[in-house]
């Protein structure tokens, strides 16, 4: 590894973080992905309940994006079974994680071995090793327990979340803390705001590490709102909620999508996030970057996958280029 490589840490989980990692992987940087560990739905929920393992879907998704192996092996990890009693809905990635954790005696060893198998460029690390659930307190005083129940609400999804925490209290993985403290750039978002971004910020020690480190902290605002988490949100709403967990004074750059010509089809409870921020309304330390960031590439679902998915994504190449330029600006300012 080039000793001059700058270190970028992506904090999040799911497709949003995978998009950022994909956009950065071909640049001369050292990438570390810190993945949320509160997912308890679908096959991740089975891993937790049946095998007492931390959720691994975010981990192997990040690994496949950063993999330098042949496409067929990557597709194998992403494969989801749609038939078979007891196996329908499971991904091959989660199954092989469960098997290797048993064979090798620990989930950490399984993560290291799969990273080796996939020839991952960079590191993918659980943000916490604690088995915890995400808890959301809504504006009407109701409490919802479980990432899956927040993400796919059976309650009134238009209600706003007032506070989020983990149950029991989860602590920052020391390896993840070390990555944050050594980072040149730390990226928050995009992705499900509460069940990915905030789910990481409420881990004990994460915010403290962000306040202690010298990294440039970047927040990438979502393109769309989401029922159950950010229904009807504008950019200012995202920032208001983010400030509850991480002081806005710690954010150095804000990336906002300016492309509003988006066909939403029949996505329920979804709208384009309204950019209502004036440049002079934020702390002076925050650099605001606006660009048309919606990917024009068609997102294909996996063959036979019956699950309807949001196919509107950030353009990974544009995001990668923006972050690379920010890194170079930071480096130049220190020269």
C-alpha atoms as a PDB file:
ATOM      1  CA  UNK A   1       0.000   0.000   0.000  1.00  0.00           C
ATOM      2  CA  UNK A   2       1.175   3.466  -0.905  1.00  0.00           C
ATOM      3  CA  UNK A   3       2.231   5.183   2.331  1.00  0.00           C
ATOM      4  CA  UNK A   4       0.863   8.443   0.917  1.00  0.00           C
ATOM      5  CA  UNK A   5      -2.640   7.083   0.432  1.00  0.00           C
ATOM      6  CA  UNK A   6      -5.308   9.140   2.155  1.00  0.00           C
ATOM      7  CA  UNK A   7      -7.791   7.342   4.364  1.00  0.00           C
ATOM      8  CA  UNK A   8     -11.523   7.575   3.767  1.00  0.00           C
ATOM      9  CA  UNK A   9     -14.024   6.104   6.224  1.00  0.00           C
ATOM     10  CA  UNK A  10     -17.617   5.487   5.140  1.00  0.00           C
ATOM     11  CA  UNK A  11     -20.073   5.170   8.029  1.00  0.00           C
ATOM     12  CA  UNK A  12     -23.457   3.712   7.177  1.00  0.00           C
ATOM     13  CA  UNK A  13     -24.869   0.534   5.741  1.00  0.00           C
ATOM     14  CA  UNK A  14     -26.833  -0.841   2.809  1.00  0.00           C
ATOM     15  CA  UNK A  15     -27.102   0.468  -0.726  1.00  0.00           C
ATOM     16  CA  UNK A  16     -26.195   4.080   0.075  1.00  0.00           C
ATOM     17  CA  UNK A  17     -22.793   3.190   1.479  1.00  0.00           C
ATOM     18  CA  UNK A  18     -22.240   0.685  -1.326  1.00  0.00           C
ATOM     19  CA  UNK A  19     -22.822   3.482  -3.849  1.00  0.00           C
ATOM     20  CA  UNK A  20     -20.193   5.690  -2.188  1.00  0.00           C
ATOM     21  CA  UNK A  21     -17.694   2.837  -1.957  1.00  0.00           C
ATOM     22  CA  UNK A  22     -18.249   1.983  -5.608  1.00  0.00           C
ATOM     23  CA  UNK A  23     -17.542   5.572  -6.594  1.00  0.00           C
ATOM     24  CA  UNK A  24     -14.287   5.692  -4.613  1.00  0.00           C
ATOM     25  CA  UNK A  25     -12.780   2.259  -5.140  1.00  0.00           C
ATOM     26  CA  UNK A  26     -10.799   3.169  -8.266  1.00  0.00           C
ATOM     27  CA  UNK A  27      -9.115   6.182  -6.659  1.00  0.00           C
ATOM     28  CA  UNK A  28      -5.775   5.982  -4.879  1.00  0.00           C
ATOM     29  CA  UNK A  29      -7.222   5.966  -1.362  1.00  0.00           C
ATOM     30  CA  UNK A  30      -7.477   3.560   1.561  1.00  0.00           C
ATOM     31  CA  UNK A  31     -11.154   2.768   2.118  1.00  0.00           C
ATOM     32  CA  UNK A  32     -12.736   1.580   5.354  1.00  0.00           C
ATOM     33  CA  UNK A  33     -16.462   0.874   5.614  1.00  0.00           C
ATOM     34  CA  UNK A  34     -18.011   0.880   9.094  1.00  0.00           C
ATOM     35  CA  UNK A  35     -21.297  -0.959   8.846  1.00  0.00           C
ATOM     36  CA  UNK A  36     -24.441  -0.628  10.983  1.00  0.00           C
ATOM     37  CA  UNK A  37     -25.190  -3.699  13.098  1.00  0.00           C
ATOM     38  CA  UNK A  38     -28.839  -3.192  14.098  1.00  0.00           C
ATOM     39  CA  UNK A  39     -30.591  -4.771  11.095  1.00  0.00           C
ATOM     40  CA  UNK A  40     -33.034  -7.405  12.358  1.00  0.00           C
ATOM     41  CA  UNK A  41     -35.244  -8.012   9.336  1.00  0.00           C
ATOM     42  CA  UNK A  42     -35.300 -10.720   6.659  1.00  0.00           C
ATOM     43  CA  UNK A  43     -32.334 -13.063   6.537  1.00  0.00           C
ATOM     44  CA  UNK A  44     -30.410 -10.775   8.903  1.00  0.00           C
ATOM     45  CA  UNK A  45     -33.131 -11.391  11.454  1.00  0.00           C
ATOM     46  CA  UNK A  46     -32.717 -15.135  10.982  1.00  0.00           C
ATOM     47  CA  UNK A  47     -28.974 -14.824  11.588  1.00  0.00           C
ATOM     48  CA  UNK A  48     -29.662 -13.008  14.853  1.00  0.00           C
ATOM     49  CA  UNK A  49     -32.430 -15.302  16.102  1.00  0.00           C
ATOM     50  CA  UNK A  50     -31.242 -18.694  14.915  1.00  0.00           C
ATOM     51  CA  UNK A  51     -27.444 -18.336  14.971  1.00  0.00           C
ATOM     52  CA  UNK A  52     -26.862 -15.504  17.486  1.00  0.00           C
ATOM     53  CA  UNK A  53     -24.808 -13.677  14.854  1.00  0.00           C
ATOM     54  CA  UNK A  54     -24.592 -10.001  14.034  1.00  0.00           C
ATOM     55  CA  UNK A  55     -26.309  -9.013  10.751  1.00  0.00           C
ATOM     56  CA  UNK A  56     -23.941  -9.430   7.819  1.00  0.00           C
ATOM     57  CA  UNK A  57     -25.869  -8.228   4.755  1.00  0.00           C
ATOM     58  CA  UNK A  58     -24.313  -4.745   4.919  1.00  0.00           C
ATOM     59  CA  UNK A  59     -20.870  -6.262   5.385  1.00  0.00           C
ATOM     60  CA  UNK A  60     -20.923  -8.579   2.399  1.00  0.00           C
ATOM     61  CA  UNK A  61     -22.689  -5.965   0.259  1.00  0.00           C
ATOM     62  CA  UNK A  62     -19.807  -3.554   0.910  1.00  0.00           C
ATOM     63  CA  UNK A  63     -17.305  -6.362   0.321  1.00  0.00           C
ATOM     64  CA  UNK A  64     -18.774  -7.292  -3.063  1.00  0.00           C
ATOM     65  CA  UNK A  65     -18.587  -3.639  -4.150  1.00  0.00           C
ATOM     66  CA  UNK A  66     -14.920  -3.490  -3.125  1.00  0.00           C
ATOM     67  CA  UNK A  67     -14.103  -6.956  -4.449  1.00  0.00           C
ATOM     68  CA  UNK A  68     -11.520  -7.397  -7.193  1.00  0.00           C
ATOM     69  CA  UNK A  69     -12.659 -10.940  -7.920  1.00  0.00           C
ATOM     70  CA  UNK A  70     -14.487 -12.169 -11.003  1.00  0.00           C
ATOM     71  CA  UNK A  71     -18.133 -11.050 -11.404  1.00  0.00           C
ATOM     72  CA  UNK A  72     -19.589 -14.557 -11.034  1.00  0.00           C
ATOM     73  CA  UNK A  73     -18.276 -14.921  -7.473  1.00  0.00           C
ATOM     74  CA  UNK A  74     -19.678 -11.517  -6.593  1.00  0.00           C
ATOM     75  CA  UNK A  75     -23.060 -12.450  -8.082  1.00  0.00           C
ATOM     76  CA  UNK A  76     -23.015 -15.653  -6.037  1.00  0.00           C
ATOM     77  CA  UNK A  77     -22.715 -13.712  -2.770  1.00  0.00           C
ATOM     78  CA  UNK A  78     -25.594 -11.460  -3.815  1.00  0.00           C
ATOM     79  CA  UNK A  79     -27.862 -14.339  -4.791  1.00  0.00           C
ATOM     80  CA  UNK A  80     -31.157 -14.504  -2.889  1.00  0.00           C
ATOM     81  CA  UNK A  81     -33.130 -17.740  -2.699  1.00  0.00           C
ATOM     82  CA  UNK A  82     -36.782 -17.351  -3.673  1.00  0.00           C
ATOM     83  CA  UNK A  83     -37.911 -20.936  -3.227  1.00  0.00           C
ATOM     84  CA  UNK A  84     -37.487 -23.656  -0.646  1.00  0.00           C
ATOM     85  CA  UNK A  85     -39.112 -23.970   2.752  1.00  0.00           C
ATOM     86  CA  UNK A  86     -36.961 -22.312   5.405  1.00  0.00           C
ATOM     87  CA  UNK A  87     -34.483 -20.893   2.887  1.00  0.00           C
ATOM     88  CA  UNK A  88     -36.660 -18.571   0.788  1.00  0.00           C
ATOM     89  CA  UNK A  89     -35.572 -14.962   1.297  1.00  0.00           C
ATOM     90  CA  UNK A  90     -32.059 -15.904   2.453  1.00  0.00           C
ATOM     91  CA  UNK A  91     -29.020 -14.610   0.616  1.00  0.00           C
ATOM     92  CA  UNK A  92     -26.029 -16.778  -0.169  1.00  0.00           C
ATOM     93  CA  UNK A  93     -23.824 -14.129   1.421  1.00  0.00           C
ATOM     94  CA  UNK A  94     -25.570 -14.503   4.775  1.00  0.00           C
ATOM     95  CA  UNK A  95     -25.536 -18.298   4.556  1.00  0.00           C
ATOM     96  CA  UNK A  96     -21.801 -18.489   3.906  1.00  0.00           C
ATOM     97  CA  UNK A  97     -21.168 -16.048   6.767  1.00  0.00           C
ATOM     98  CA  UNK A  98     -23.138 -18.298   9.122  1.00  0.00           C
ATOM     99  CA  UNK A  99     -21.273 -21.403   7.920  1.00  0.00           C
ATOM    100  CA  UNK A 100     -17.802 -19.845   8.167  1.00  0.00           C
ATOM    101  CA  UNK A 101     -18.527 -18.347  11.585  1.00  0.00           C
ATOM    102  CA  UNK A 102     -19.301 -21.865  12.806  1.00  0.00           C
ATOM    103  CA  UNK A 103     -16.305 -23.462  11.064  1.00  0.00           C
ATOM    104  CA  UNK A 104     -13.809 -20.807  12.182  1.00  0.00           C
ATOM    105  CA  UNK A 105     -15.278 -20.279  15.632  1.00  0.00           C
ATOM    106  CA  UNK A 106     -15.996 -16.556  15.385  1.00  0.00           C
ATOM    107  CA  UNK A 107     -17.757 -14.031  13.185  1.00  0.00           C
ATOM    108  CA  UNK A 108     -14.703 -11.775  13.114  1.00  0.00           C
ATOM    109  CA  UNK A 109     -12.604 -14.571  11.621  1.00  0.00           C
ATOM    110  CA  UNK A 110     -15.348 -15.229   9.078  1.00  0.00           C
ATOM    111  CA  UNK A 111     -15.323 -11.548   8.050  1.00  0.00           C
ATOM    112  CA  UNK A 112     -11.541 -11.649   7.566  1.00  0.00           C
ATOM    113  CA  UNK A 113     -11.702 -14.867   5.547  1.00  0.00           C
ATOM    114  CA  UNK A 114     -14.474 -13.655   3.259  1.00  0.00           C
ATOM    115  CA  UNK A 115     -12.579 -10.397   2.693  1.00  0.00           C
ATOM    116  CA  UNK A 116      -9.636 -12.548   1.595  1.00  0.00           C
ATOM    117  CA  UNK A 117     -11.834 -14.727  -0.645  1.00  0.00           C
ATOM    118  CA  UNK A 118     -13.307 -11.684  -2.358  1.00  0.00           C
ATOM    119  CA  UNK A 119      -9.939  -9.876  -2.558  1.00  0.00           C
ATOM    120  CA  UNK A 120     -11.481  -6.774  -1.022  1.00  0.00           C
ATOM    121  CA  UNK A 121      -9.767  -3.439  -1.637  1.00  0.00           C
ATOM    122  CA  UNK A 122      -9.871  -1.809   1.774  1.00  0.00           C
ATOM    123  CA  UNK A 123     -11.548  -2.912   4.982  1.00  0.00           C
ATOM    124  CA  UNK A 124     -15.135  -3.613   6.021  1.00  0.00           C
ATOM    125  CA  UNK A 125     -15.682  -3.522   9.790  1.00  0.00           C
ATOM    126  CA  UNK A 126     -18.741  -3.879  12.058  1.00  0.00           C
ATOM    127  CA  UNK A 127     -19.231  -0.570  13.854  1.00  0.00           C
ATOM    128  CA  UNK A 128     -20.092  -2.504  17.018  1.00  0.00           C
ATOM    129  CA  UNK A 129     -19.851  -6.077  18.225  1.00  0.00           C
ATOM    130  CA  UNK A 130     -22.845  -5.719  20.533  1.00  0.00           C
ATOM    131  CA  UNK A 131     -26.139  -7.453  19.741  1.00  0.00           C
ATOM    132  CA  UNK A 132     -28.571  -4.557  20.014  1.00  0.00           C
ATOM    133  CA  UNK A 133     -31.866  -3.401  18.555  1.00  0.00           C
ATOM    134  CA  UNK A 134     -32.712   0.047  17.276  1.00  0.00           C
ATOM    135  CA  UNK A 135     -35.443   1.904  19.187  1.00  0.00           C
ATOM    136  CA  UNK A 136     -37.378   4.885  17.803  1.00  0.00           C
ATOM    137  CA  UNK A 137     -39.526   7.276  19.823  1.00  0.00           C
ATOM    138  CA  UNK A 138     -42.080   9.087  17.651  1.00  0.00           C
ATOM    139  CA  UNK A 139     -43.647  12.529  17.985  1.00  0.00           C
ATOM    140  CA  UNK A 140     -46.869  11.074  19.413  1.00  0.00           C
ATOM    141  CA  UNK A 141     -44.928   9.313  22.183  1.00  0.00           C
ATOM    142  CA  UNK A 142     -45.178   5.855  20.654  1.00  0.00           C
ATOM    143  CA  UNK A 143     -42.125   3.592  20.728  1.00  0.00           C
ATOM    144  CA  UNK A 144     -41.105   1.147  18.009  1.00  0.00           C
ATOM    145  CA  UNK A 145     -38.424  -1.466  18.662  1.00  0.00           C
ATOM    146  CA  UNK A 146     -36.467  -3.091  15.857  1.00  0.00           C
ATOM    147  CA  UNK A 147     -34.817  -1.737  12.721  1.00  0.00           C
ATOM    148  CA  UNK A 148     -37.150  -3.769  10.510  1.00  0.00           C
ATOM    149  CA  UNK A 149     -40.255  -2.323  12.189  1.00  0.00           C
ATOM    150  CA  UNK A 150     -38.930   1.221  11.742  1.00  0.00           C
ATOM    151  CA  UNK A 151     -37.826   0.615   8.160  1.00  0.00           C
ATOM    152  CA  UNK A 152     -41.078  -1.043   7.068  1.00  0.00           C
ATOM    153  CA  UNK A 153     -43.692   0.515   9.347  1.00  0.00           C
ATOM    154  CA  UNK A 154     -46.966  -1.109  10.307  1.00  0.00           C
ATOM    155  CA  UNK A 155     -47.638   2.066  12.328  1.00  0.00           C
ATOM    156  CA  UNK A 156     -48.370   5.517  10.903  1.00  0.00           C
ATOM    157  CA  UNK A 157     -45.321   6.072   8.708  1.00  0.00           C
ATOM    158  CA  UNK A 158     -45.969   9.808   8.407  1.00  0.00           C
ATOM    159  CA  UNK A 159     -45.084  10.344  12.083  1.00  0.00           C
ATOM    160  CA  UNK A 160     -41.684  11.884  12.744  1.00  0.00           C
ATOM    161  CA  UNK A 161     -39.034  10.264  14.883  1.00  0.00           C
ATOM    162  CA  UNK A 162     -38.014  12.401  17.842  1.00  0.00           C
ATOM    163  CA  UNK A 163     -35.303  10.222  19.345  1.00  0.00           C
ATOM    164  CA  UNK A 164     -33.388   7.052  18.547  1.00  0.00           C
ATOM    165  CA  UNK A 165     -31.256   4.752  20.702  1.00  0.00           C
ATOM    166  CA  UNK A 166     -30.126   1.146  20.949  1.00  0.00           C
ATOM    167  CA  UNK A 167     -31.394  -1.466  23.365  1.00  0.00           C
ATOM    168  CA  UNK A 168     -29.258  -2.546  25.118  1.00  0.00           C
ATOM    169  CA  UNK A 169     -26.588   0.121  24.876  1.00  0.00           C
ATOM    170  CA  UNK A 170     -24.073  -0.692  22.126  1.00  0.00           C
ATOM    171  CA  UNK A 171     -20.432   0.412  22.145  1.00  0.00           C
ATOM    172  CA  UNK A 172     -18.075   1.354  19.345  1.00  0.00           C
ATOM    173  CA  UNK A 173     -15.811  -1.427  18.116  1.00  0.00           C
ATOM    174  CA  UNK A 174     -12.206  -0.368  19.047  1.00  0.00           C
ATOM    175  CA  UNK A 175     -11.033  -1.214  15.520  1.00  0.00           C
ATOM    176  CA  UNK A 176     -13.721   1.080  14.101  1.00  0.00           C
ATOM    177  CA  UNK A 177     -12.700   3.829  16.526  1.00  0.00           C
ATOM    178  CA  UNK A 178      -9.104   3.558  15.335  1.00  0.00           C
ATOM    179  CA  UNK A 179     -10.241   3.935  11.720  1.00  0.00           C
ATOM    180  CA  UNK A 180     -12.194   7.113  12.527  1.00  0.00           C
ATOM    181  CA  UNK A 181      -9.319   8.677  14.453  1.00  0.00           C
ATOM    182  CA  UNK A 182      -6.895   8.029  11.574  1.00  0.00           C
ATOM    183  CA  UNK A 183      -9.244   9.150   8.789  1.00  0.00           C
ATOM    184  CA  UNK A 184      -8.645  12.049   6.442  1.00  0.00           C
ATOM    185  CA  UNK A 185     -12.308  12.064   5.385  1.00  0.00           C
ATOM    186  CA  UNK A 186     -15.375  10.571   7.085  1.00  0.00           C
ATOM    187  CA  UNK A 187     -18.564  10.196   5.055  1.00  0.00           C
ATOM    188  CA  UNK A 188     -22.073   9.982   6.504  1.00  0.00           C
ATOM    189  CA  UNK A 189     -24.937   8.986   4.179  1.00  0.00           C
ATOM    190  CA  UNK A 190     -26.615   8.573   1.866  1.00  0.00           C
ATOM    191  CA  UNK A 191     -28.976   5.755   2.824  1.00  0.00           C
ATOM    192  CA  UNK A 192     -31.875   5.222   5.193  1.00  0.00           C
ATOM    193  CA  UNK A 193     -31.326   8.147   7.540  1.00  0.00           C
ATOM    194  CA  UNK A 194     -32.444   6.618  10.813  1.00  0.00           C
ATOM    195  CA  UNK A 195     -31.829   2.912  10.239  1.00  0.00           C
ATOM    196  CA  UNK A 196     -28.368   3.391   8.759  1.00  0.00           C
ATOM    197  CA  UNK A 197     -26.818   6.806   9.487  1.00  0.00           C
ATOM    198  CA  UNK A 198     -28.354   7.569  12.887  1.00  0.00           C
ATOM    199  CA  UNK A 199     -28.193   3.879  13.829  1.00  0.00           C
ATOM    200  CA  UNK A 200     -24.406   4.310  13.734  1.00  0.00           C
ATOM    201  CA  UNK A 201     -24.291   7.696  15.464  1.00  0.00           C
ATOM    202  CA  UNK A 202     -26.184   6.378  18.518  1.00  0.00           C
ATOM    203  CA  UNK A 203     -23.511   3.746  19.133  1.00  0.00           C
ATOM    204  CA  UNK A 204     -21.632   4.852  22.249  1.00  0.00           C
ATOM    205  CA  UNK A 205     -18.271   6.313  21.268  1.00  0.00           C
ATOM    206  CA  UNK A 206     -18.993   7.126  17.611  1.00  0.00           C
ATOM    207  CA  UNK A 207     -19.799  10.815  18.049  1.00  0.00           C
ATOM    208  CA  UNK A 208     -16.966  11.180  20.549  1.00  0.00           C
ATOM    209  CA  UNK A 209     -14.528   9.762  17.976  1.00  0.00           C
ATOM    210  CA  UNK A 210     -15.877  12.106  15.284  1.00  0.00           C
ATOM    211  CA  UNK A 211     -15.402  15.093  17.575  1.00  0.00           C
ATOM    212  CA  UNK A 212     -11.879  13.949  18.443  1.00  0.00           C
ATOM    213  CA  UNK A 213     -10.589  13.177  14.958  1.00  0.00           C
ATOM    214  CA  UNK A 214      -9.121  15.666  12.468  1.00  0.00           C
ATOM    215  CA  UNK A 215     -11.006  14.299   9.480  1.00  0.00           C
ATOM    216  CA  UNK A 216     -13.097  16.259   7.029  1.00  0.00           C
ATOM    217  CA  UNK A 217     -16.673  15.144   7.818  1.00  0.00           C
ATOM    218  CA  UNK A 218     -19.055  14.997   4.847  1.00  0.00           C
ATOM    219  CA  UNK A 219     -22.824  14.478   4.991  1.00  0.00           C
ATOM    220  CA  UNK A 220     -24.518  13.337   1.782  1.00  0.00           C
ATOM    221  CA  UNK A 221     -28.223  14.177   1.855  1.00  0.00           C
ATOM    222  CA  UNK A 222     -30.648  11.589   0.503  1.00  0.00           C
ATOM    223  CA  UNK A 223     -32.334  12.148  -2.844  1.00  0.00           C
ATOM    224  CA  UNK A 224     -35.729  10.944  -1.640  1.00  0.00           C
ATOM    225  CA  UNK A 225     -37.780  10.945   1.523  1.00  0.00           C
ATOM    226  CA  UNK A 226     -38.952   7.684   3.064  1.00  0.00           C
ATOM    227  CA  UNK A 227     -42.164   6.626   4.764  1.00  0.00           C
ATOM    228  CA  UNK A 228     -41.508   5.654   8.383  1.00  0.00           C
ATOM    229  CA  UNK A 229     -38.243   7.583   8.681  1.00  0.00           C
ATOM    230  CA  UNK A 230     -38.151  10.873   6.795  1.00  0.00           C
ATOM    231  CA  UNK A 231     -41.641  11.381   5.412  1.00  0.00           C
ATOM    232  CA  UNK A 232     -41.969  14.850   3.855  1.00  0.00           C
ATOM    233  CA  UNK A 233     -38.412  15.872   4.833  1.00  0.00           C
ATOM    234  CA  UNK A 234     -36.552  18.802   3.299  1.00  0.00           C
ATOM    235  CA  UNK A 235     -32.786  19.279   3.567  1.00  0.00           C
ATOM    236  CA  UNK A 236     -33.266  21.452   6.655  1.00  0.00           C
ATOM    237  CA  UNK A 237     -35.199  18.624   8.341  1.00  0.00           C
ATOM    238  CA  UNK A 238     -32.331  16.209   7.774  1.00  0.00           C
ATOM    239  CA  UNK A 239     -29.886  18.724   9.240  1.00  0.00           C
ATOM    240  CA  UNK A 240     -32.129  19.532  12.208  1.00  0.00           C
ATOM    241  CA  UNK A 241     -32.364  15.827  13.076  1.00  0.00           C
ATOM    242  CA  UNK A 242     -28.676  15.191  12.424  1.00  0.00           C
ATOM    243  CA  UNK A 243     -27.808  17.998  14.853  1.00  0.00           C
ATOM    244  CA  UNK A 244     -29.521  16.051  17.654  1.00  0.00           C
ATOM    245  CA  UNK A 245     -26.822  13.384  17.397  1.00  0.00           C
ATOM    246  CA  UNK A 246     -23.810  15.151  15.874  1.00  0.00           C
ATOM    247  CA  UNK A 247     -23.317  18.934  16.159  1.00  0.00           C
ATOM    248  CA  UNK A 248     -23.602  20.573  12.751  1.00  0.00           C
ATOM    249  CA  UNK A 249     -20.436  22.473  13.625  1.00  0.00           C
ATOM    250  CA  UNK A 250     -18.614  19.165  13.058  1.00  0.00           C
ATOM    251  CA  UNK A 251     -19.859  18.864   9.470  1.00  0.00           C
ATOM    252  CA  UNK A 252     -17.408  20.306   6.962  1.00  0.00           C
ATOM    253  CA  UNK A 253     -19.203  19.575   3.683  1.00  0.00           C
ATOM    254  CA  UNK A 254     -22.811  19.040   2.690  1.00  0.00           C
ATOM    255  CA  UNK A 255     -23.620  17.347  -0.621  1.00  0.00           C
ATOM    256  CA  UNK A 256     -27.123  17.999  -1.992  1.00  0.00           C
ATOM    257  CA  UNK A 257     -28.710  16.598  -5.138  1.00  0.00           C
ATOM    258  CA  UNK A 258     -30.007  19.361  -7.434  1.00  0.00           C
ATOM    259  CA  UNK A 259     -31.752  17.099  -9.962  1.00  0.00           C
ATOM    260  CA  UNK A 260     -35.477  17.266  -9.188  1.00  0.00           C
ATOM    261  CA  UNK A 261     -36.718  15.889 -12.518  1.00  0.00           C
ATOM    262  CA  UNK A 262     -37.281  12.403 -11.112  1.00  0.00           C
ATOM    263  CA  UNK A 263     -40.072   9.969 -11.970  1.00  0.00           C
ATOM    264  CA  UNK A 264     -41.245   8.395  -8.715  1.00  0.00           C
ATOM    265  CA  UNK A 265     -43.722   6.023 -10.382  1.00  0.00           C
ATOM    266  CA  UNK A 266     -45.861   4.614  -7.564  1.00  0.00           C
ATOM    267  CA  UNK A 267     -43.365   4.588  -4.696  1.00  0.00           C
ATOM    268  CA  UNK A 268     -45.463   4.949  -1.537  1.00  0.00           C
ATOM    269  CA  UNK A 269     -44.808   7.893   0.770  1.00  0.00           C
ATOM    270  CA  UNK A 270     -41.849   9.067  -1.302  1.00  0.00           C
ATOM    271  CA  UNK A 271     -41.006  12.538  -2.562  1.00  0.00           C
ATOM    272  CA  UNK A 272     -37.894  14.335  -3.765  1.00  0.00           C
ATOM    273  CA  UNK A 273     -36.077  16.005  -0.871  1.00  0.00           C
ATOM    274  CA  UNK A 274     -36.650  19.743  -1.155  1.00  0.00           C
ATOM    275  CA  UNK A 275     -33.496  21.868  -1.007  1.00  0.00           C
ATOM    276  CA  UNK A 276     -34.621  24.685   1.286  1.00  0.00           C
ATOM    277  CA  UNK A 277     -31.166  25.649   2.583  1.00  0.00           C
ATOM    278  CA  UNK A 278     -29.747  29.115   2.163  1.00  0.00           C
ATOM    279  CA  UNK A 279     -25.976  29.208   2.056  1.00  0.00           C
ATOM    280  CA  UNK A 280     -25.877  31.779   4.853  1.00  0.00           C
ATOM    281  CA  UNK A 281     -28.167  29.760   7.133  1.00  0.00           C
ATOM    282  CA  UNK A 282     -25.543  27.208   8.153  1.00  0.00           C
ATOM    283  CA  UNK A 283     -22.350  27.431  10.189  1.00  0.00           C
ATOM    284  CA  UNK A 284     -19.545  29.040   8.160  1.00  0.00           C
ATOM    285  CA  UNK A 285     -17.457  25.856   8.359  1.00  0.00           C
ATOM    286  CA  UNK A 286     -19.903  23.943   6.132  1.00  0.00           C
ATOM    287  CA  UNK A 287     -19.127  23.906   2.424  1.00  0.00           C
ATOM    288  CA  UNK A 288     -22.325  23.307   0.419  1.00  0.00           C
ATOM    289  CA  UNK A 289     -22.015  21.355  -2.824  1.00  0.00           C
ATOM    290  CA  UNK A 290     -24.984  21.058  -5.166  1.00  0.00           C
ATOM    291  CA  UNK A 291     -24.968  18.874  -8.258  1.00  0.00           C
ATOM    292  CA  UNK A 292     -27.260  16.688 -10.345  1.00  0.00           C
ATOM    293  CA  UNK A 293     -26.476  13.387  -8.656  1.00  0.00           C
ATOM    294  CA  UNK A 294     -29.220  10.996  -9.726  1.00  0.00           C
ATOM    295  CA  UNK A 295     -27.904   7.954 -11.550  1.00  0.00           C
ATOM    296  CA  UNK A 296     -29.199   7.578 -15.085  1.00  0.00           C
ATOM    297  CA  UNK A 297     -28.236   3.913 -15.177  1.00  0.00           C
ATOM    298  CA  UNK A 298     -31.086   1.429 -14.977  1.00  0.00           C
ATOM    299  CA  UNK A 299     -30.971  -0.528 -11.716  1.00  0.00           C
ATOM    300  CA  UNK A 300     -31.738  -4.161 -12.438  1.00  0.00           C
ATOM    301  CA  UNK A 301     -33.287  -6.368  -9.784  1.00  0.00           C
ATOM    302  CA  UNK A 302     -31.947  -9.851  -9.219  1.00  0.00           C
ATOM    303  CA  UNK A 303     -33.518 -12.532 -11.399  1.00  0.00           C
ATOM    304  CA  UNK A 304     -36.717 -13.807  -9.853  1.00  0.00           C
ATOM    305  CA  UNK A 305     -36.647 -11.302  -6.991  1.00  0.00           C
ATOM    306  CA  UNK A 306     -40.281 -10.519  -6.116  1.00  0.00           C
ATOM    307  CA  UNK A 307     -39.433  -7.638  -3.774  1.00  0.00           C
ATOM    308  CA  UNK A 308     -40.217  -4.159  -5.107  1.00  0.00           C
ATOM    309  CA  UNK A 309     -37.204  -1.930  -4.586  1.00  0.00           C
ATOM    310  CA  UNK A 310     -36.478   1.760  -4.947  1.00  0.00           C
ATOM    311  CA  UNK A 311     -34.335   2.020  -8.074  1.00  0.00           C
ATOM    312  CA  UNK A 312     -33.452   5.707  -7.726  1.00  0.00           C
ATOM    313  CA  UNK A 313     -29.825   5.988  -6.671  1.00  0.00           C
ATOM    314  CA  UNK A 314     -26.983   8.470  -6.399  1.00  0.00           C
ATOM    315  CA  UNK A 315     -24.564   8.357  -9.307  1.00  0.00           C
ATOM    316  CA  UNK A 316     -21.561   6.570  -7.809  1.00  0.00           C
ATOM    317  CA  UNK A 317     -19.069   8.071 -10.288  1.00  0.00           C
ATOM    318  CA  UNK A 318     -20.201  11.636  -9.558  1.00  0.00           C
ATOM    319  CA  UNK A 319     -20.159  11.059  -5.812  1.00  0.00           C
ATOM    320  CA  UNK A 320     -16.668   9.548  -6.065  1.00  0.00           C
ATOM    321  CA  UNK A 321     -15.414  12.508  -8.078  1.00  0.00           C
ATOM    322  CA  UNK A 322     -16.881  15.056  -5.641  1.00  0.00           C
ATOM    323  CA  UNK A 323     -15.323  13.310  -2.654  1.00  0.00           C
ATOM    324  CA  UNK A 324     -11.957  12.977  -4.407  1.00  0.00           C
ATOM    325  CA  UNK A 325     -11.947  16.712  -5.098  1.00  0.00           C
ATOM    326  CA  UNK A 326     -12.848  17.454  -1.481  1.00  0.00           C
ATOM    327  CA  UNK A 327     -10.000  15.249  -0.297  1.00  0.00           C
ATOM    328  CA  UNK A 328      -7.553  17.046  -2.574  1.00  0.00           C
ATOM    329  CA  UNK A 329      -8.810  20.458  -1.365  1.00  0.00           C
ATOM    330  CA  UNK A 330      -8.240  19.359   2.230  1.00  0.00           C
ATOM    331  CA  UNK A 331      -4.764  18.087   1.396  1.00  0.00           C
ATOM    332  CA  UNK A 332      -3.869  21.300  -0.437  1.00  0.00           C
ATOM    333  CA  UNK A 333      -5.042  23.463   2.462  1.00  0.00           C
ATOM    334  CA  UNK A 334      -2.634  21.626   4.756  1.00  0.00           C
ATOM    335  CA  UNK A 335       0.384  22.055   2.482  1.00  0.00           C
END
